[in-house]
Protein backbone atom coordinates (compact mmCIF):
# COMPACT_ATOMS: atom_id res chain seq x y z
CA UNK A 1 0.00 0.00 0.00
CA UNK A 2 1.23 3.49 -0.73
CA UNK A 3 0.43 6.90 0.68
CA UNK A 4 -2.21 8.35 -1.70
CA UNK A 5 -0.57 11.76 -2.07
CA UNK A 6 3.12 11.16 -1.38
CA UNK A 7 3.19 7.77 -3.16
CA UNK A 8 5.57 6.49 -0.48
CA UNK A 9 5.29 2.88 0.76
CA UNK A 10 3.13 2.47 3.85
CA UNK A 11 2.95 -0.72 5.91
CA UNK A 12 -0.54 -1.47 7.12
CA UNK A 13 -2.22 -4.56 8.52
CA UNK A 14 -5.80 -5.67 8.22
CA UNK A 15 -6.16 -7.24 11.66
CA UNK A 16 -4.61 -6.16 14.98
CA UNK A 17 -2.94 -9.53 15.61
CA UNK A 18 -0.87 -8.95 12.45
CA UNK A 19 0.59 -5.66 13.74
CA UNK A 20 4.28 -5.16 14.39
CA UNK A 21 5.54 -3.53 17.59
CA UNK A 22 4.81 0.18 17.40
CA UNK A 23 1.78 -0.12 15.11
CA UNK A 24 -1.19 1.27 16.98
CA UNK A 25 -4.11 0.31 14.75
CA UNK A 26 -5.32 -2.09 12.13
CA UNK A 27 -7.51 -1.23 9.17
CA UNK A 28 -10.24 -3.46 10.64
CA UNK A 29 -10.37 -1.57 13.94
CA UNK A 30 -9.96 1.80 12.27
CA UNK A 31 -12.99 1.25 10.02
CA UNK A 32 -15.07 -0.84 12.45
CA UNK A 33 -18.72 0.21 12.68
CA UNK A 34 -19.93 -2.42 15.14
CA UNK A 35 -17.92 -4.16 17.85
CA UNK A 36 -19.86 -7.28 18.80
CA UNK A 37 -18.50 -7.03 22.35
CA UNK A 38 -20.55 -3.85 22.91
CA UNK A 39 -23.82 -5.80 22.60
CA UNK A 40 -25.53 -8.64 24.41
CA UNK A 41 -23.84 -12.00 23.69
CA UNK A 42 -25.21 -13.50 20.49
CA UNK A 43 -26.78 -10.28 19.17
CA UNK A 44 -24.07 -10.04 16.49
CA UNK A 45 -22.07 -13.04 15.31
CA UNK A 46 -19.07 -10.80 14.64
CA UNK A 47 -17.85 -7.28 14.12
CA UNK A 48 -18.90 -5.16 11.15
CA UNK A 49 -16.34 -3.02 9.37
CA UNK A 50 -16.25 -0.96 6.18
CA UNK A 51 -13.08 -0.96 4.16
CA UNK A 52 -12.32 2.31 2.43
CA UNK A 53 -9.09 2.25 0.47
CA UNK A 54 -7.27 5.57 -0.10
CA UNK A 55 -7.77 5.50 -3.85
CA UNK A 56 -11.54 5.69 -3.21
CA UNK A 57 -11.20 9.18 -1.76
CA UNK A 58 -11.09 12.34 -3.84
CA UNK A 59 -8.17 14.50 -2.72
CA UNK A 60 -7.51 16.69 -5.75
CA UNK A 61 -9.26 19.76 -4.38
CA UNK A 62 -11.45 21.14 -1.57
CA UNK A 63 -15.20 21.66 -1.52
CA UNK A 64 -15.18 23.79 1.64
CA UNK A 65 -13.84 27.31 1.78
CA UNK A 66 -13.90 27.84 -1.99
CA UNK A 67 -16.30 29.58 -4.37
CA UNK A 68 -19.24 27.75 -5.95
CA UNK A 69 -17.44 27.21 -9.28
CA UNK A 70 -14.48 25.53 -7.57
CA UNK A 71 -16.76 23.54 -5.28
CA UNK A 72 -18.87 22.28 -8.20
CA UNK A 73 -15.76 21.37 -10.19
CA UNK A 74 -14.45 19.17 -7.38
CA UNK A 75 -17.83 17.65 -6.52
CA UNK A 76 -18.30 16.60 -10.14
CA UNK A 77 -14.77 15.20 -10.33
CA UNK A 78 -15.31 13.28 -7.08
CA UNK A 79 -18.48 11.69 -8.48
CA UNK A 80 -16.38 10.12 -11.20
CA UNK A 81 -14.80 7.85 -8.58
CA UNK A 82 -18.06 5.99 -7.99
């Protein structure tokens, strides 16, 4: 995996048990929506997480703090990612 803007290598892990010393999060925990341990036993069979990879995000321009023309330009460009 690479940093989406710097294009430098980035080591990430999907699950916490795969982490190296010094890594403080996993992609699973970072994007977790539901932790089954926060509910009554048996309510959820497991955790629920959404994976959002960096190349899914639009980062080529802002939509906040710019004029309507600039905002529209970037909103339309971002829609092309879907």
